[in-house]
Protein backbone atom coordinates (compact mmCIF):
# COMPACT_ATOMS: atom_id res chain seq x y z
CA UNK A 1 27.99 -12.46 -17.40
CA UNK A 2 25.15 -13.57 -14.38
CA UNK A 3 22.22 -15.98 -15.53
CA UNK A 4 19.26 -14.16 -17.61
CA UNK A 5 15.93 -14.02 -17.68
CA UNK A 6 13.93 -12.53 -20.69
CA UNK A 7 10.95 -10.92 -20.57
CA UNK A 8 8.52 -10.91 -24.12
CA UNK A 9 7.22 -7.48 -24.23
CA UNK A 10 3.10 -8.35 -25.32
CA UNK A 11 2.04 -4.70 -24.49
CA UNK A 12 1.61 -4.52 -21.03
CA UNK A 13 1.50 -1.66 -18.74
CA UNK A 14 3.44 -3.72 -16.01
CA UNK A 15 6.30 -5.37 -17.98
CA UNK A 16 8.85 -3.44 -16.83
CA UNK A 17 7.41 -4.44 -13.02
CA UNK A 18 7.31 -7.64 -13.39
CA UNK A 19 11.16 -7.77 -15.03
CA UNK A 20 12.03 -5.44 -12.31
CA UNK A 21 10.67 -8.12 -9.59
CA UNK A 22 12.72 -10.85 -11.07
CA UNK A 23 16.25 -8.33 -10.28
CA UNK A 24 14.74 -8.12 -6.61
CA UNK A 25 15.35 -11.33 -5.93
CA UNK A 26 19.16 -11.16 -7.54
CA UNK A 27 17.76 -12.77 -10.84
CA UNK A 28 19.35 -11.12 -14.19
CA UNK A 29 16.07 -10.77 -16.14
CA UNK A 30 16.01 -8.24 -19.96
CA UNK A 31 12.63 -7.46 -21.21
CA UNK A 32 12.40 -8.33 -25.68
CA UNK A 33 10.40 -7.27 -28.29
CA UNK A 34 7.59 -10.13 -28.42
CA UNK A 35 8.26 -11.17 -31.82
CA UNK A 36 12.54 -12.37 -30.41
CA UNK A 37 12.80 -15.46 -31.85
CA UNK A 38 14.07 -18.29 -30.36
CA UNK A 39 17.44 -18.89 -32.00
CA UNK A 40 18.22 -14.54 -30.91
CA UNK A 41 17.20 -16.10 -27.04
CA UNK A 42 19.00 -19.35 -27.12
CA UNK A 43 22.09 -17.17 -28.44
CA UNK A 44 21.62 -14.94 -25.60
CA UNK A 45 21.21 -18.06 -23.05
CA UNK A 46 18.35 -17.45 -21.44
CA UNK A 47 17.12 -19.76 -18.26
CA UNK A 48 13.63 -19.02 -18.27
CA UNK A 49 10.99 -17.29 -19.51
CA UNK A 50 8.00 -14.67 -19.24
CA UNK A 51 5.85 -14.22 -21.19
CA UNK A 52 4.05 -10.83 -19.85
CA UNK A 53 0.63 -9.83 -19.71
CA UNK A 54 -1.49 -7.54 -22.46
CA UNK A 55 -4.52 -5.36 -23.96
CA UNK A 56 -5.12 -7.64 -26.62
CA UNK A 57 -7.00 -10.46 -27.76
CA UNK A 58 -5.75 -13.98 -29.12
CA UNK A 59 -7.54 -13.45 -31.67
CA UNK A 60 -7.93 -9.86 -32.69
CA UNK A 61 -5.81 -9.36 -35.72
CA UNK A 62 -3.27 -6.52 -34.95
CA UNK A 63 -2.53 -9.53 -31.57
CA UNK A 64 0.71 -10.28 -31.04
CA UNK A 65 2.19 -13.33 -31.15
CA UNK A 66 5.38 -14.96 -30.05
CA UNK A 67 8.00 -17.21 -32.03
CA UNK A 68 6.23 -20.65 -31.81
CA UNK A 69 10.04 -21.89 -31.37
CA UNK A 70 10.20 -20.92 -28.06
CA UNK A 71 7.59 -23.66 -26.62
CA UNK A 72 10.58 -25.74 -27.99
CA UNK A 73 14.19 -23.92 -26.41
CA UNK A 74 13.60 -26.52 -23.32
CA UNK A 75 13.94 -23.87 -20.85
CA UNK A 76 10.74 -23.24 -18.24
CA UNK A 77 7.86 -20.63 -19.47
CA UNK A 78 5.51 -18.21 -17.42
CA UNK A 79 2.35 -17.26 -18.79
CA UNK A 80 1.02 -13.91 -17.26
CA UNK A 81 -2.38 -12.69 -18.17
CA UNK A 82 -2.15 -12.58 -21.92
CA UNK A 83 0.91 -14.92 -21.72
CA UNK A 84 -1.10 -17.48 -20.01
CA UNK A 85 -4.11 -17.32 -22.86
CA UNK A 86 -1.06 -17.36 -25.43
CA UNK A 87 0.65 -20.32 -24.02
CA UNK A 88 -3.15 -21.94 -24.05
CA UNK A 89 -3.68 -20.50 -28.32
CA UNK A 90 0.00 -21.51 -29.45
CA UNK A 91 0.07 -25.63 -27.46
CA UNK A 92 -3.24 -26.80 -28.32
CA UNK A 93 -6.02 -25.02 -25.83
CA UNK A 94 -8.92 -23.05 -26.39
CA UNK A 95 -9.13 -19.63 -25.24
CA UNK A 96 -12.73 -17.76 -25.51
CA UNK A 97 -14.01 -14.77 -24.05
CA UNK A 98 -15.23 -14.24 -20.37
CA UNK A 99 -19.12 -14.12 -20.58
CA UNK A 100 -17.77 -12.17 -16.82
CA UNK A 101 -14.67 -9.75 -17.36
CA UNK A 102 -12.43 -9.76 -14.14
CA UNK A 103 -11.06 -6.81 -13.15
CA UNK A 104 -9.93 -6.08 -9.70
CA UNK A 105 -9.31 -8.38 -6.40
CA UNK A 106 -10.40 -12.31 -6.94
CA UNK A 107 -9.95 -15.11 -4.85
CA UNK A 108 -7.11 -17.66 -5.93
CA UNK A 109 -7.57 -21.34 -4.22
CA UNK A 110 -5.18 -23.71 -4.54
CA UNK A 111 -5.45 -26.25 -5.23
CA UNK A 112 -2.29 -28.21 -6.00
CA UNK A 113 0.47 -26.39 -4.86
CA UNK A 114 3.90 -27.80 -6.98
CA UNK A 115 7.40 -25.55 -7.14
CA UNK A 116 4.90 -22.51 -8.78
CA UNK A 117 2.99 -22.19 -5.32
CA UNK A 118 5.15 -23.99 -2.65
CA UNK A 119 4.93 -22.49 0.73
CA UNK A 120 1.59 -20.27 0.12
CA UNK A 121 -1.92 -20.39 2.02
CA UNK A 122 -4.58 -22.79 -0.13
CA UNK A 123 -6.12 -19.25 -0.52
CA UNK A 124 -5.52 -15.84 -1.16
CA UNK A 125 -6.42 -12.60 -3.05
CA UNK A 126 -4.70 -12.20 -6.34
CA UNK A 127 -4.99 -9.22 -8.89
CA UNK A 128 -7.17 -9.31 -12.04
CA UNK A 129 -7.57 -8.16 -15.00
CA UNK A 130 -9.12 -10.07 -18.55
CA UNK A 131 -11.12 -10.20 -20.62
CA UNK A 132 -10.68 -13.15 -22.24
CA UNK A 133 -9.79 -16.50 -20.33
CA UNK A 134 -8.59 -19.87 -21.41
CA UNK A 135 -11.83 -23.15 -21.99
CA UNK A 136 -9.82 -26.18 -22.66
CA UNK A 137 -5.88 -26.75 -21.36
CA UNK A 138 -3.43 -27.86 -24.20
CA UNK A 139 -2.25 -31.43 -23.82
CA UNK A 140 0.51 -31.84 -21.14
CA UNK A 141 -1.60 -29.09 -18.41
CA UNK A 142 -3.24 -29.81 -15.56
CA UNK A 143 -5.07 -26.67 -13.51
CA UNK A 144 -3.92 -26.10 -10.47
CA UNK A 145 -5.25 -22.87 -9.33
CA UNK A 146 -8.99 -21.46 -9.14
CA UNK A 147 -10.86 -18.56 -9.31
CA UNK A 148 -14.51 -17.52 -8.90
CA UNK A 149 -14.84 -16.64 -12.62
CA UNK A 150 -12.10 -19.41 -14.01
CA UNK A 151 -11.48 -23.13 -13.08
CA UNK A 152 -8.17 -22.35 -14.82
CA UNK A 153 -6.67 -19.30 -13.18
CA UNK A 154 -3.01 -21.37 -12.83
CA UNK A 155 -2.13 -24.63 -14.99
CA UNK A 156 1.10 -26.72 -15.25
CA UNK A 157 2.98 -28.92 -17.67
CA UNK A 158 5.88 -30.11 -14.49
CA UNK A 159 7.21 -32.27 -17.48
CA UNK A 160 8.55 -29.05 -20.13
CA UNK A 161 8.50 -26.78 -16.71
CA UNK A 162 5.52 -25.27 -18.39
CA UNK A 163 3.79 -22.27 -16.04
CA UNK A 164 0.59 -20.20 -16.17
CA UNK A 165 -1.08 -17.86 -13.56
CA UNK A 166 -4.54 -15.95 -14.93
CA UNK A 167 -3.65 -13.32 -12.75
CA UNK A 168 -0.91 -10.50 -12.01
CA UNK A 169 1.36 -11.25 -9.68
CA UNK A 170 3.79 -8.50 -10.04
CA UNK A 171 1.64 -5.94 -8.32
CA UNK A 172 1.11 -5.58 -4.60
CA UNK A 173 -2.09 -6.12 -4.58
CA UNK A 174 -1.82 -9.45 -5.40
CA UNK A 175 -0.66 -12.03 -1.58
CA UNK A 176 2.26 -13.55 -2.16
CA UNK A 177 2.87 -12.33 -5.46
CA UNK A 178 6.86 -12.07 -4.96
CA UNK A 179 7.07 -15.24 -3.94
CA UNK A 180 5.56 -16.91 -7.02
CA UNK A 181 7.38 -15.09 -9.37
CA UNK A 182 10.67 -16.57 -6.84
CA UNK A 183 9.37 -20.04 -6.16
CA UNK A 184 9.08 -19.88 -10.41
CA UNK A 185 12.83 -18.08 -10.48
CA UNK A 186 14.29 -20.89 -7.86
CA UNK A 187 12.77 -23.56 -8.35
CA UNK A 188 11.35 -24.14 -11.45
CA UNK A 189 14.68 -22.12 -13.95
CA UNK A 190 17.29 -23.12 -10.56
CA UNK A 191 18.30 -19.45 -10.51
CA UNK A 192 21.17 -19.09 -8.55
CA UNK A 193 20.61 -15.59 -7.38
CA UNK A 194 23.90 -14.43 -8.98
CA UNK A 195 22.95 -10.85 -9.92
CA UNK A 196 23.11 -7.25 -8.03
CA UNK A 197 22.94 -3.77 -9.48
CA UNK A 198 26.99 -3.66 -9.19
CA UNK A 199 26.73 -6.61 -11.91
CA UNK A 200 24.92 -3.53 -14.37
CA UNK A 201 27.00 -1.43 -13.51
CA UNK A 202 30.12 -3.54 -14.54
CA UNK A 203 28.01 -4.92 -17.68
CA UNK A 204 27.26 -1.21 -18.17
CA UNK A 205 30.96 -0.69 -18.09
CA UNK A 206 31.76 -3.31 -20.53
CA UNK A 207 29.20 -2.46 -23.10
CA UNK A 208 30.51 0.72 -23.40
CA UNK A 209 33.63 0.57 -23.76
CA UNK A 210 33.23 -1.88 -26.26
CA UNK A 211 31.12 -0.36 -28.41
CA UNK A 212 33.14 3.26 -27.85
CA UNK A 213 36.11 1.84 -28.39
CA UNK A 214 39.16 4.19 -28.81
CA UNK A 215 36.01 6.77 -30.25
CA UNK A 216 35.06 9.66 -28.39
CA UNK A 217 31.49 10.41 -27.08
CA UNK A 218 29.41 13.31 -27.15
CA UNK A 219 26.74 13.70 -24.37
CA UNK A 220 23.72 16.22 -24.35
CA UNK A 221 23.45 17.18 -20.22
CA UNK A 222 20.28 18.10 -19.26
CA UNK A 223 21.27 17.87 -15.08
CA UNK A 224 18.59 15.96 -14.89
CA UNK A 225 18.40 12.07 -14.09
CA UNK A 226 18.46 10.04 -17.14
CA UNK A 227 21.15 11.88 -18.87
CA UNK A 228 24.05 12.52 -15.39
CA UNK A 229 22.48 8.02 -14.63
CA UNK A 230 23.84 8.01 -18.38
CA UNK A 231 27.11 10.36 -17.59
CA UNK A 232 28.12 8.67 -15.04
CA UNK A 233 27.61 5.78 -16.61
CA UNK A 234 29.84 6.89 -19.99
CA UNK A 235 32.51 8.79 -18.03
CA UNK A 236 33.47 5.30 -15.57
CA UNK A 237 33.53 3.71 -18.98
CA UNK A 238 35.31 6.21 -20.96
CA UNK A 239 37.11 8.83 -19.04
CA UNK A 240 38.40 11.39 -21.14
CA UNK A 241 36.81 10.04 -24.24
CA UNK A 242 33.65 11.96 -22.90
CA UNK A 243 32.73 15.13 -23.70
CA UNK A 244 29.14 16.51 -22.03
CA UNK A 245 26.56 19.63 -23.24
CA UNK A 246 25.18 21.65 -21.58
CA UNK A 247 22.94 24.83 -22.85
CA UNK A 248 22.14 27.24 -21.11
CA UNK A 249 18.87 28.06 -22.80
CA UNK A 250 17.73 31.18 -20.60
CA UNK A 251 14.83 29.34 -19.26
CA UNK A 252 16.92 27.62 -15.92
CA UNK A 253 16.13 27.55 -12.42
CA UNK A 254 17.71 30.06 -10.44
CA UNK A 255 21.60 29.48 -9.24
CA UNK A 256 21.25 25.65 -11.67
CA UNK A 257 23.62 26.90 -14.40
CA UNK A 258 26.67 26.77 -11.98
CA UNK A 259 24.70 23.75 -10.39
CA UNK A 260 25.92 21.83 -13.34
CA UNK A 261 29.40 23.90 -13.40
CA UNK A 262 30.57 22.44 -10.03
CA UNK A 263 29.01 18.84 -10.23
CA UNK A 264 29.56 18.04 -13.84
CA UNK A 265 32.68 19.80 -14.23
CA UNK A 266 34.72 19.96 -10.88
CA UNK A 267 33.57 17.38 -8.99
CA UNK A 268 33.15 14.19 -11.28
CA UNK A 269 35.93 16.34 -13.57
CA UNK A 270 33.63 16.06 -16.88
CA UNK A 271 34.71 17.48 -19.75
CA UNK A 272 31.71 19.68 -19.27
CA UNK A 273 31.05 22.36 -22.39
CA UNK A 274 28.33 25.00 -21.00
CA UNK A 275 26.63 27.13 -23.92
CA UNK A 276 25.04 30.11 -23.35
CA UNK A 277 22.10 30.28 -25.58
CA UNK A 278 20.20 32.61 -23.41
CA UNK A 279 20.17 34.91 -26.64
CA UNK A 280 18.19 33.08 -28.84
CA UNK A 281 15.56 33.25 -26.74
CA UNK A 282 13.28 36.45 -25.18
CA UNK A 283 14.70 38.35 -22.72
CA UNK A 284 12.50 37.78 -18.99
CA UNK A 285 11.05 41.28 -19.74
CA UNK A 286 10.00 41.14 -23.53
CA UNK A 287 8.45 37.54 -22.20
CA UNK A 288 6.67 39.13 -19.55
CA UNK A 289 5.38 41.42 -22.65
CA UNK A 290 4.35 38.84 -24.91
CA UNK A 291 2.36 37.18 -22.11
CA UNK A 292 0.63 40.37 -20.52
CA UNK A 293 0.13 41.47 -23.98
CA UNK A 294 -1.32 37.49 -24.77
CA UNK A 295 -3.70 37.64 -21.92
CA UNK A 296 -5.00 40.78 -22.65
CA UNK A 297 -5.67 39.57 -26.24
CA UNK A 298 -7.37 36.61 -24.81
CA UNK A 299 -9.90 38.39 -22.45
CA UNK A 300 -12.74 39.25 -24.42
CA UNK A 301 -12.70 35.30 -25.36
CA UNK A 302 -12.62 34.53 -21.53
CA UNK A 303 -15.43 37.46 -21.36
CA UNK A 304 -17.88 35.93 -23.68
CA UNK A 305 -17.78 32.22 -22.44
CA UNK A 306 -18.02 33.66 -18.76
CA UNK A 307 -21.58 35.66 -19.58
CA UNK A 308 -23.10 32.45 -19.49
CA UNK A 309 -25.07 32.09 -16.08
CA UNK A 310 -22.64 30.56 -13.60
CA UNK A 311 -21.68 31.23 -10.38
CA UNK A 312 -19.20 29.94 -8.04
CA UNK A 313 -19.39 29.76 -4.64
CA UNK A 314 -16.72 30.29 -1.88
CA UNK A 315 -18.02 29.07 1.49
CA UNK A 316 -19.57 32.27 2.15
CA UNK A 317 -17.24 34.66 -0.54
CA UNK A 318 -19.48 34.63 -3.48
CA UNK A 319 -18.18 35.57 -6.66
CA UNK A 320 -20.23 38.04 -9.12
CA UNK A 321 -21.10 36.57 -12.52
CA UNK A 322 -19.62 38.26 -15.66
CA UNK A 323 -21.99 40.70 -16.96
CA UNK A 324 -23.20 41.29 -13.62
CA UNK A 325 -23.68 44.66 -12.13
CA UNK A 326 -20.63 45.09 -9.94
CA UNK A 327 -20.63 46.28 -6.13
CA UNK A 328 -18.74 49.59 -6.54
CA UNK A 329 -15.78 48.03 -4.35
CA UNK A 330 -15.53 45.21 -6.63
CA UNK A 331 -15.44 47.58 -9.44
CA UNK A 332 -12.17 49.64 -7.78
CA UNK A 333 -10.27 46.06 -6.96
CA UNK A 334 -10.90 45.00 -10.70
CA UNK A 335 -9.30 49.15 -11.78
CA UNK A 336 -6.81 49.16 -9.67
CA UNK A 337 -6.11 45.45 -11.27
CA UNK A 338 -7.24 45.82 -14.30
CA UNK A 339 -6.89 49.65 -15.72
CA UNK A 340 -8.32 51.03 -18.35
CA UNK A 341 -11.14 47.85 -18.59
CA UNK A 342 -15.12 49.02 -18.25
CA UNK A 343 -17.19 47.70 -15.31
CA UNK A 344 -20.89 47.89 -15.26
CA UNK A 345 -21.71 49.23 -12.08
CA UNK A 346 -24.01 48.15 -9.91
CA UNK A 347 -27.49 50.05 -9.48
């Protein structure tokens, strides 16, 4: 098993990106619920923890908080944005609302490079998105980086291996952000870079075999990316114990059913059962008739709204306003498109 970095998810839109950046450094990362117990993380054998960002304030009633005991596991911790605020809040510092919310690019000045900023220039453009900030450092911490709005934009406690940054290193907007993450993984956590995507496949296959045993699996196959990847992994793991079901609902793209049958049934030799359920849905002619009927039903409501004095100018061509007189040529054109509908003649 490769070494594991735990990414605790506090609701950030970028949690998946953090995990991906770690894997791009050939270090296996796994996302956990923010309230995962320290005992569970110890059982997983994690060598480091990253606290993600999040949309909440640490003082909000519904704010997510980690198990306090994660700070006693003896492994390095990196807090990002909301994560560093959590570290300050739980470890004896003070977090307060900032007078000026930082969003977008900011300028980071590195005061003490240390392990986190090793090999990086003194000044970098970084990406901020926060309303709160640290106002008092927890015991044992020191500031190693500042921005225009925060004297504690980057902090460290080297004795415990705790680091915090108020900005987002995982996004491309932050200069050398991936290098910061790599420095934490390799320089602080001591990760050996022993993971690749091939490891993910072999690990997944092993887990599937252990879970399924001698049983059978039925997979609903749509032909899309998600179900196709699931089918490939399952088939690699359990072979003939897998049965895929593809439902032809009569609404498929042209040739899609034949494509799925050839690819998964004949090429990958998966036990594929195709169910023709197209008769359960309206045949194409009836669908068109229903669509036409609905269009006719909604036309009076549309006309009513269009009677508002609105005129659309499309370059040199003007479309007459609904309710206004139409030229004879316009009326004849509409008669051909909408037979049986009366139009007002031009005087």
